[in-house]
Structure formats: C-alpha cells, structure tokens
Protein backbone atom coordinates (compact mmCIF):
# COMPACT_ATOMS: atom_id res chain seq x y z
CA MET A 1 88.33 75.12 83.98
CA ASN A 2 91.17 72.98 85.26
CA ASN A 3 93.14 73.04 81.99
CA LYS A 4 93.32 76.83 81.98
CA ASN A 5 96.50 78.64 82.88
CA PHE A 6 94.96 81.56 84.77
CA GLU A 7 93.00 81.80 88.01
CA VAL A 8 90.93 84.99 88.22
CA TYR A 9 89.85 87.04 91.26
CA PHE A 10 87.30 89.87 91.06
CA ASP A 11 86.90 92.51 93.77
CA CYS A 12 83.47 94.11 93.33
CA GLY A 13 83.37 97.37 95.27
CA SER A 14 80.72 100.07 95.53
CA SER A 15 82.42 102.36 93.02
CA LYS A 16 85.04 100.29 91.20
CA ILE A 17 85.70 96.76 89.90
CA ARG A 18 89.18 95.29 90.26
CA ALA A 19 90.49 91.99 88.96
CA GLY A 20 93.64 89.91 88.96
CA ALA A 21 94.51 86.95 86.72
CA PHE A 22 97.22 84.71 88.17
CA ASN A 23 99.16 82.26 86.07
CA LYS A 24 99.12 78.84 87.79
CA ASN A 25 102.43 77.83 86.20
CA ASP A 26 104.24 81.14 86.61
CA PRO A 27 103.15 83.11 89.71
CA LYS A 28 105.19 86.12 88.59
CA HIS A 29 103.09 86.39 85.44
CA SER A 30 100.01 88.18 86.76
CA ILE A 31 97.63 90.57 85.01
CA TYR A 32 95.65 93.27 86.84
CA LYS A 33 92.73 95.36 85.64
CA GLU A 34 90.32 97.86 87.12
CA SER A 35 87.18 99.59 85.92
CA ASN A 36 86.33 103.24 85.67
CA PHE A 37 84.89 104.92 88.75
CA PHE A 38 81.09 104.60 88.86
CA LEU A 39 78.26 105.78 91.09
CA ASP A 40 75.27 104.19 89.43
CA HIS A 41 75.15 100.40 89.91
CA SER A 42 73.00 100.12 86.81
CA THR A 43 76.31 100.28 84.90
CA ILE A 44 78.14 97.69 87.01
CA GLU A 45 77.46 94.85 84.56
CA LEU A 46 78.96 96.90 81.73
CA GLU A 47 82.05 97.68 83.85
CA ILE A 48 82.46 94.00 84.76
CA GLN A 49 82.13 93.07 81.09
CA LYS A 50 84.84 95.58 80.09
CA VAL A 51 87.25 94.12 82.66
CA ILE A 52 86.44 90.57 81.53
CA SER A 53 87.06 91.44 77.86
CA SER A 54 90.38 93.05 78.74
CA LEU A 55 91.47 90.02 80.80
CA GLU A 56 90.45 87.60 78.05
CA THR A 57 92.50 89.58 75.53
CA ASP A 58 95.63 89.65 77.73
CA THR A 59 95.40 86.05 78.96
CA ASN A 60 94.25 84.67 75.61
CA GLU A 61 91.73 82.55 77.53
CA TYR A 62 87.95 82.48 77.61
CA LEU A 63 86.72 83.38 81.10
CA ASP A 64 83.91 81.18 82.41
CA ASN A 65 84.53 81.15 86.18
CA VAL A 66 85.98 83.55 88.74
CA ASN A 67 86.60 83.95 92.46
CA LEU A 68 84.75 86.84 94.02
CA MET A 69 85.64 89.42 96.69
CA ILE A 70 82.77 91.44 98.16
CA ASP A 71 81.86 93.52 101.20
CA SER A 72 78.57 94.80 102.53
CA PRO A 73 77.47 97.52 104.98
CA ASP A 74 75.28 94.75 106.46
CA LEU A 75 78.17 92.36 107.09
CA LEU A 76 77.71 90.34 110.29
CA SER A 77 80.30 88.65 112.52
CA ILE A 78 79.28 86.00 115.08
CA SER A 79 81.31 84.31 117.81
CA ILE A 80 80.25 80.91 119.16
CA CYS A 81 81.77 78.66 121.82
CA LEU A 82 80.74 75.00 121.72
CA SER A 83 81.72 72.28 124.20
CA LYS A 84 81.40 68.51 124.20
CA LYS A 85 82.36 65.73 126.58
CA PHE A 86 84.17 62.60 125.39
CA ASP A 87 85.19 59.31 127.01
CA GLY A 88 88.91 60.07 127.12
CA SER A 89 89.77 58.24 123.91
CA LYS A 90 91.73 59.72 121.01
CA LEU A 91 90.13 62.83 119.53
CA LYS A 92 89.12 62.33 115.90
CA LYS A 93 88.87 64.85 113.09
CA GLU A 94 85.27 63.77 112.59
CA ASP A 95 84.47 64.94 116.14
CA ILE A 96 85.73 68.44 115.27
CA LYS A 97 83.84 68.45 111.98
CA PHE A 98 80.64 67.57 113.82
CA LEU A 99 81.08 70.48 116.26
CA ILE A 100 81.81 72.90 113.41
CA GLN A 101 78.75 71.67 111.55
CA ASP A 102 76.64 72.07 114.67
CA ALA A 103 77.82 75.66 115.12
CA LYS A 104 77.23 76.38 111.44
CA GLN A 105 73.67 75.08 111.59
CA GLN A 106 72.97 77.23 114.66
CA VAL A 107 74.15 80.34 112.82
CA LEU A 108 72.10 79.56 109.70
CA LYS A 109 69.01 78.78 111.79
CA ASN A 110 69.16 82.05 113.72
CA TYR A 111 70.38 84.24 110.84
CA PHE A 112 68.53 82.65 107.91
CA ASN A 113 68.99 85.72 105.69
CA GLN A 114 72.79 85.45 105.96
CA SER A 115 75.35 83.40 104.05
CA ILE A 116 78.53 82.28 105.80
CA LEU A 117 81.67 83.33 103.94
CA HIS A 118 84.32 82.44 106.52
CA ILE A 119 84.57 80.08 109.50
CA ILE A 120 87.62 80.64 111.71
CA ILE A 121 88.59 78.54 114.73
CA ASN A 122 90.33 80.84 117.21
CA ASN A 123 90.98 78.34 119.96
CA TYR A 124 90.79 74.67 120.90
CA LYS A 125 90.42 74.07 124.61
CA ILE A 126 91.11 70.39 125.29
CA ASN A 127 91.04 69.11 128.88
CA ASN A 128 91.30 72.75 130.07
CA VAL A 129 94.43 73.41 127.97
CA ASN A 130 94.30 75.98 125.16
CA TYR A 131 95.69 75.22 121.70
CA SER A 132 95.83 77.47 118.63
CA TYR A 133 95.78 74.35 116.46
CA LEU A 134 94.39 70.83 116.77
CA PRO A 135 97.06 68.59 118.32
CA GLU A 136 97.51 65.09 116.95
CA ASN A 137 96.92 61.89 118.92
CA ILE A 138 95.47 63.56 121.99
CA ASN A 139 93.08 61.87 124.42
CA CYS A 140 90.08 64.02 125.18
CA LYS A 141 87.50 64.20 127.94
CA LEU A 142 86.28 67.72 127.25
CA ILE A 143 86.75 70.03 124.29
CA SER A 144 85.60 73.60 123.62
CA LEU A 145 85.90 75.41 120.29
CA ASP A 146 85.88 79.19 119.89
CA ILE A 147 84.51 79.75 116.38
CA PHE A 148 84.24 83.06 114.52
CA PHE A 149 81.83 83.42 111.58
CA ILE A 150 81.84 86.16 108.94
CA CYS A 151 78.48 86.47 107.17
CA ILE A 152 77.05 88.57 104.35
CA PRO A 153 73.36 88.88 103.38
CA LYS A 154 72.21 86.25 100.90
CA GLU A 155 70.71 88.94 98.69
CA THR A 156 74.15 90.55 98.24
CA ILE A 157 75.66 87.26 97.09
CA GLU A 158 72.71 86.49 94.82
CA TYR A 159 72.98 89.97 93.30
CA PHE A 160 76.59 89.40 92.19
CA LYS A 161 75.98 85.79 91.17
CA LYS A 162 73.20 87.00 88.89
CA LYS A 163 75.40 89.71 87.35
CA PHE A 164 78.13 87.20 86.49
CA PHE A 165 75.61 84.51 85.44
CA GLU A 166 74.20 86.93 82.88
CA LEU A 167 77.73 87.05 81.44
CA ASP A 168 77.93 83.21 81.41
CA ILE A 169 80.39 83.17 84.30
CA SER A 170 80.10 81.00 87.39
CA ILE A 171 81.44 81.86 90.86
CA ASN A 172 83.92 79.56 92.58
CA GLN A 173 84.94 80.86 96.01
CA ILE A 174 83.58 84.03 97.64
CA PHE A 175 85.71 86.07 100.05
CA CYS A 176 84.99 89.01 102.33
CA SER A 177 87.25 91.72 100.90
CA SER A 178 88.06 93.49 104.17
CA TYR A 179 88.86 90.23 105.95
CA ALA A 180 91.06 88.92 103.11
CA LYS A 181 93.03 92.18 103.00
CA SER A 182 93.46 92.23 106.79
CA ILE A 183 94.88 88.68 106.83
CA TYR A 184 97.27 89.55 104.00
CA LYS A 185 98.46 92.81 105.63
CA LYS A 186 98.69 91.29 109.11
CA LYS A 187 101.16 88.69 107.86
CA LEU A 188 103.29 91.44 106.34
CA LEU A 189 103.21 93.65 109.44
CA LEU A 190 103.93 90.81 111.90
CA LEU A 191 101.80 92.41 114.63
CA LYS A 192 99.70 90.36 117.06
CA ASN A 193 97.42 93.15 118.32
CA ILE A 194 96.12 95.22 115.45
CA SER A 195 92.92 96.80 114.11
CA PHE A 196 92.44 97.49 110.41
CA ILE A 197 90.22 100.40 109.43
CA ASP A 198 89.26 99.77 105.80
CA ILE A 199 87.68 102.94 104.41
CA GLY A 200 85.51 102.21 101.40
CA PHE A 201 83.13 104.32 99.34
CA ASN A 202 79.94 103.93 101.36
CA LYS A 203 81.17 102.07 104.45
CA THR A 204 84.15 101.54 106.73
CA SER A 205 85.00 98.13 108.09
CA ILE A 206 86.84 97.38 111.34
CA ILE A 207 88.72 94.11 111.78
CA SER A 208 90.49 93.63 115.12
CA TYR A 209 93.03 91.00 116.13
CA LEU A 210 94.31 90.19 119.62
CA LYS A 211 97.20 87.76 119.99
CA ASN A 212 96.80 86.92 116.30
CA GLU A 213 93.15 85.91 116.77
CA ILE A 214 90.32 87.74 115.03
CA VAL A 215 88.08 88.94 117.85
CA PHE A 216 85.91 91.63 116.34
CA MET A 217 84.54 92.82 113.01
CA ASN A 218 82.11 95.63 112.38
CA MET A 219 80.82 97.90 109.62
CA ILE A 220 80.17 101.63 109.97
CA PRO A 221 77.95 103.14 107.24
CA ILE A 222 80.30 106.06 106.57
CA GLY A 223 82.89 106.12 103.79
CA SER A 224 84.78 108.42 101.45
CA ASN A 225 81.54 109.20 99.60
CA HIS A 226 80.37 111.06 102.70
CA ILE A 227 83.43 113.31 102.47
CA THR A 228 82.51 114.15 98.87
CA LYS A 229 78.94 114.95 99.94
CA ASP A 230 80.29 117.22 102.71
CA LEU A 231 82.33 119.11 100.11
CA CYS A 232 79.24 119.36 97.87
CA ASN A 233 77.10 120.77 100.68
CA VAL A 234 79.58 123.19 102.18
CA LEU A 235 81.19 124.45 98.96
CA LYS A 236 78.03 124.25 96.80
CA LEU A 237 79.74 122.12 94.16
CA ASP A 238 78.41 119.36 91.93
CA PHE A 239 79.46 115.83 92.85
CA GLN A 240 82.16 115.35 90.19
CA LYS A 241 83.95 118.61 91.06
CA ALA A 242 83.80 117.76 94.77
CA GLU A 243 85.18 114.27 94.06
CA ASN A 244 88.06 115.73 92.02
CA LEU A 245 88.89 118.21 94.79
CA LYS A 246 88.79 115.48 97.41
CA LEU A 247 91.26 113.32 95.52
CA SER A 248 93.70 116.04 94.49
CA PHE A 249 92.96 119.24 96.39
CA ASN A 250 96.65 119.78 97.22
CA GLN A 251 97.70 119.43 93.55
CA ASN A 252 94.76 120.83 91.61
CA ILE A 253 95.56 124.52 91.97
CA THR A 254 93.74 125.43 88.74
CA LEU A 255 90.43 124.04 89.99
CA LEU A 256 90.91 125.69 93.39
CA ASN A 257 91.51 129.09 91.78
CA LYS A 258 88.60 128.65 89.39
CA GLU A 259 86.17 127.80 92.18
CA LYS A 260 87.77 130.38 94.54
CA ILE A 261 88.26 127.81 97.30
CA SER A 262 91.19 127.62 99.71
CA SER A 263 92.94 124.28 100.18
CA LYS A 264 92.88 124.95 103.93
CA LEU A 265 89.05 124.96 103.93
CA ILE A 266 88.99 121.65 102.04
CA GLN A 267 91.43 120.17 104.55
CA GLN A 268 89.19 121.27 107.39
CA ILE A 269 86.11 119.68 105.82
CA ILE A 270 87.92 116.40 105.14
CA ALA A 271 89.57 116.36 108.58
CA ALA A 272 86.24 116.90 110.35
CA ARG A 273 84.64 113.88 108.69
CA VAL A 274 87.75 111.68 109.11
CA GLU A 275 87.98 112.58 112.81
CA GLU A 276 84.32 111.65 113.28
CA LEU A 277 84.86 108.35 111.49
CA LEU A 278 87.96 107.46 113.51
CA LYS A 279 86.21 108.28 116.78
CA LEU A 280 83.32 105.99 115.84
CA CYS A 281 85.81 103.23 115.00
CA ALA A 282 87.67 103.73 118.29
CA GLU A 283 84.44 103.61 120.29
CA SER A 284 83.42 100.42 118.51
CA ILE A 285 86.80 98.79 119.21
CA LYS A 286 86.87 99.88 122.85
CA THR A 287 83.36 98.57 123.41
CA ASN A 288 84.30 95.16 122.09
CA ILE A 289 87.97 94.57 122.96
CA ILE A 290 88.69 97.34 125.52
CA VAL A 291 92.51 97.44 125.22
CA LEU A 292 92.70 100.00 122.43
CA ASP A 293 95.97 101.47 123.75
CA GLU A 294 97.65 98.12 123.07
CA ASN A 295 96.00 97.71 119.68
CA LYS A 296 97.63 99.45 116.70
CA MET A 297 95.17 101.05 114.27
CA ILE A 298 95.98 100.79 110.56
CA LEU A 299 94.10 102.75 107.88
CA MET A 300 93.71 101.11 104.49
CA GLY A 301 91.28 100.99 101.57
CA GLU A 302 90.49 103.19 98.58
CA GLY A 303 88.94 105.86 100.79
CA SER A 304 92.14 106.31 102.80
CA LYS A 305 94.10 107.42 99.74
CA ILE A 306 93.10 111.04 100.33
CA LEU A 307 95.19 110.98 103.50
CA ASN A 308 98.93 111.25 103.13
CA ASN A 309 101.32 111.20 106.08
CA ARG A 310 101.57 115.00 106.19
CA PHE A 311 97.81 115.39 106.21
CA MET A 312 97.48 112.71 108.91
CA GLU A 313 99.32 115.03 111.29
CA LYS A 314 96.41 117.47 111.10
CA ILE A 315 93.89 114.86 112.24
CA LEU A 316 92.94 115.32 115.90
CA PHE A 317 92.74 111.81 117.28
CA SER A 318 93.75 110.39 120.65
CA TYR A 319 95.29 107.14 119.44
CA ASN A 320 98.25 106.28 117.27
CA ILE A 321 97.17 105.53 113.71
CA GLU A 322 99.17 104.59 110.64
CA LEU A 323 98.32 104.81 106.95
CA LEU A 324 99.04 101.68 104.91
CA PRO A 325 99.09 102.26 101.14
CA GLU A 326 97.06 99.79 99.13
CA THR A 327 97.55 98.84 95.49
CA LEU A 328 95.43 97.00 92.96
CA GLU A 329 97.90 94.12 93.22
CA ASP A 330 97.56 94.01 97.03
CA ILE A 331 93.79 93.65 96.83
CA CYS A 332 93.80 90.75 94.38
CA GLN A 333 96.79 89.05 95.99
CA SER A 334 95.02 89.03 99.37
CA ALA A 335 92.21 86.77 98.14
CA LEU A 336 94.65 84.58 96.23
CA SER A 337 96.71 84.10 99.39
CA LEU A 338 93.65 83.36 101.50
CA GLY A 339 92.46 80.89 98.88
CA LYS A 340 95.86 79.19 99.15
CA LYS A 341 95.33 78.76 102.94
CA LEU A 342 97.27 81.76 104.26
CA ASN A 343 95.07 81.61 107.36
CA LYS A 344 95.66 78.17 108.89
CA ASN A 345 92.79 78.60 111.34
CA GLU A 346 90.11 78.87 108.70
CA VAL A 347 87.74 76.08 107.76
CA VAL A 348 87.13 75.82 104.03
CA VAL A 349 83.53 74.97 103.20
CA ILE A 350 82.69 73.35 99.86
CA PRO A 351 78.92 73.64 99.30
CA LYS A 352 76.80 70.59 98.61
CA LYS A 353 75.95 69.87 95.00
CA GLN A 354 72.31 70.54 94.29
CA ILE A 355 71.77 67.08 92.80
CA LYS A 356 72.88 65.14 95.87
CA GLN A 357 71.70 66.65 99.12
CA GLY A 358 73.48 65.15 102.10
CA PHE A 359 73.29 66.11 105.77
CA PHE A 360 76.87 67.33 105.98
CA GLU A 361 78.70 69.72 103.76
CA LYS A 362 82.27 68.78 103.05
CA LEU A 363 84.60 70.48 105.50
CA PHE A 364 88.25 70.67 104.58
CA HIS A 365 90.24 72.07 107.45
CA PHE A 366 93.96 72.48 107.92
CA PHE A 367 94.22 69.00 109.47
CA ASN A 368 96.15 67.88 106.41
C-alpha cells in the first residue's frame, strides 16, 4: 500500500528464498532475509511464509504486496527489428509506442505460452542514423527499432502468483533475476562488452552485452545441483553429505577424514563439471555473438560460491574468466535499482486492468 514505509522484493530461487525490505524514506534502512536451503518445492510456501513473518516483525508492517524476482530453465529471449515510413514530420512518442505495441503483439501471438517480463530497446535508427536513445524534435522519414524481449513461461508466473495469493499477497512487478543482476553488476563494472554466467541450482543463465547493449540471453539446464549429484555418484554419498562437501570441502577436514575422501578428488570432480559448463557457455556465446575474445566472462550466482580465486586457477578453460562475489543484499538491490529505472533503455509495461479492457496497454518509457 502507498502509505507503507517499506517496499519489498522477493527472489524465489530453486533452492532458496531471499527478500529485501527497503525503507522509502530512508534508503539506508534496509532489512534482508533468506530461507533455509530446500530441495522439495512442496515446502516452498512454508519457507516464503517464514520469510514474510520475519519481515513483518522487523518492519512492523503487514505485508500484502511484493515485487517478485524469478528465473526459469525455459526462459526465452527474442530480438525483433521493426521499421516504419513517415512523411518527414516530427516523430511523436505515440509513433514509438505503436511500434513497441506491434512488436509485443507479434511476440505474444507466436509465443502464446510465454509472458513478457522485459522489453528493451537497443537501438533507434532514424533516417539511417543510429541512436541509443530517442532524440527530441527530430523529423523522420524512416525509423527502425531493435527490440529485445525477455520472456518466461506463463505457468511459472502463475505458479508463484498462486503461492503468494494463498498467503493473501499480491504481486506488483515481476523481474527476471539473472537480467536484473546483470544490469546491476554491469553498472558497477563499467564494461561495455561482458557476459555474465549466473550459476544457479538447476540451471545456468548467460547474459551477453556488446557496446552496452544486451544482445544474447540463454539458459543451460546445468547448475550446482549437478555437481552435488556427481559427488553422490562418484563417492557413493547421500545428497546432504555431498552438498556439505561441495560447499566446504577445503575446510571440512573432519567429514573428509570420516568418509576417507581426499580433497584433491573432490576438486577434480567439481572442476570436471565446471569445465563442461563453461565450455557449453562459451560455445553458446560464440555461436551468437562470435567475438568471445573481446567479451569478458563474469561468474556470479549462488552456484559459483564453491569457486574461490585459488580454485579457479585449477579450471582448464581457454578464456579469461572472473569470479564476482554475490551477496543477499546485491540480489535484492538489483531488482530495486531496475525498478527505479537503472536501465534507461527498458520499456515499463503496466498491465491492463481486468475490468476495462482496452486495445493498448499503458507503456511508460524513459521519454520523461
């Protein structure tokens, strides 16, 4: 509600729930919470409820709406270029809105099982001149828009909406977690050509930027959970022991001695899977943007925490990679920043109200 002091962001991952409550009047006064690690999604509602109760206690406010961060192994990115001729008069914002709406309808028509989370305009080409932004008071005879869509299956969104609805909580904005984090980190790193490799529990996402423009996004169905399964299979351990070894094999000497396992063997198992994953990511990037040598690769995400800088030296990989630590605060701050228009090239879509169905959805762009 508008009279509340805190704005809340939930990141719903495959194995953990994270949340941040941000004070609207005092940005420095933020509260962060995370759930226990879980494997079985039948307990996800209980974990969400625990985080909600903890936030309500610390903020002293009843929580009835949140902003949501989600990812999916079935995430889809789509690039569209649309052109239109004009009579040479001044270009209007309504003309751009119409083109965006046209592109959006094409995506929804051809991918009817998908929901659009993000619409990014990479380039305006007006009278054969490229612009990264929409210039004011420009006469136009021909315009082309390069538009990038990030989509997630409708069933994924409905799943989380239902979980929160059962707790009497409505969803405001929905963000793609990997994309939000990449925008946030890219601004901090100040690099124009960069690929983020976000290693999650059951998937790894790739988000590539060239000259500050998002040009490619892909999901690989391999994550840190696959490393745990490798340890289970090779070392004949149950899942929880394998997970504990994965996370702290270089510190947990007692468990190593008890199970009669060498840390070197664990390193070899982890390195083999990480090398495979990185090679798949590199092949995907090369196939889509080619210039991998000029594109810095950054590892981030919960799954990358098993790799420290010393261990990274043991990974056999042809390209230069860097590990970027990620905190609970980073994750929640990334969606907050994106919600506050950190990415100037993104179109913000406010869905139509169900009572009044109009042809257009409201499109608020960065024209203001």
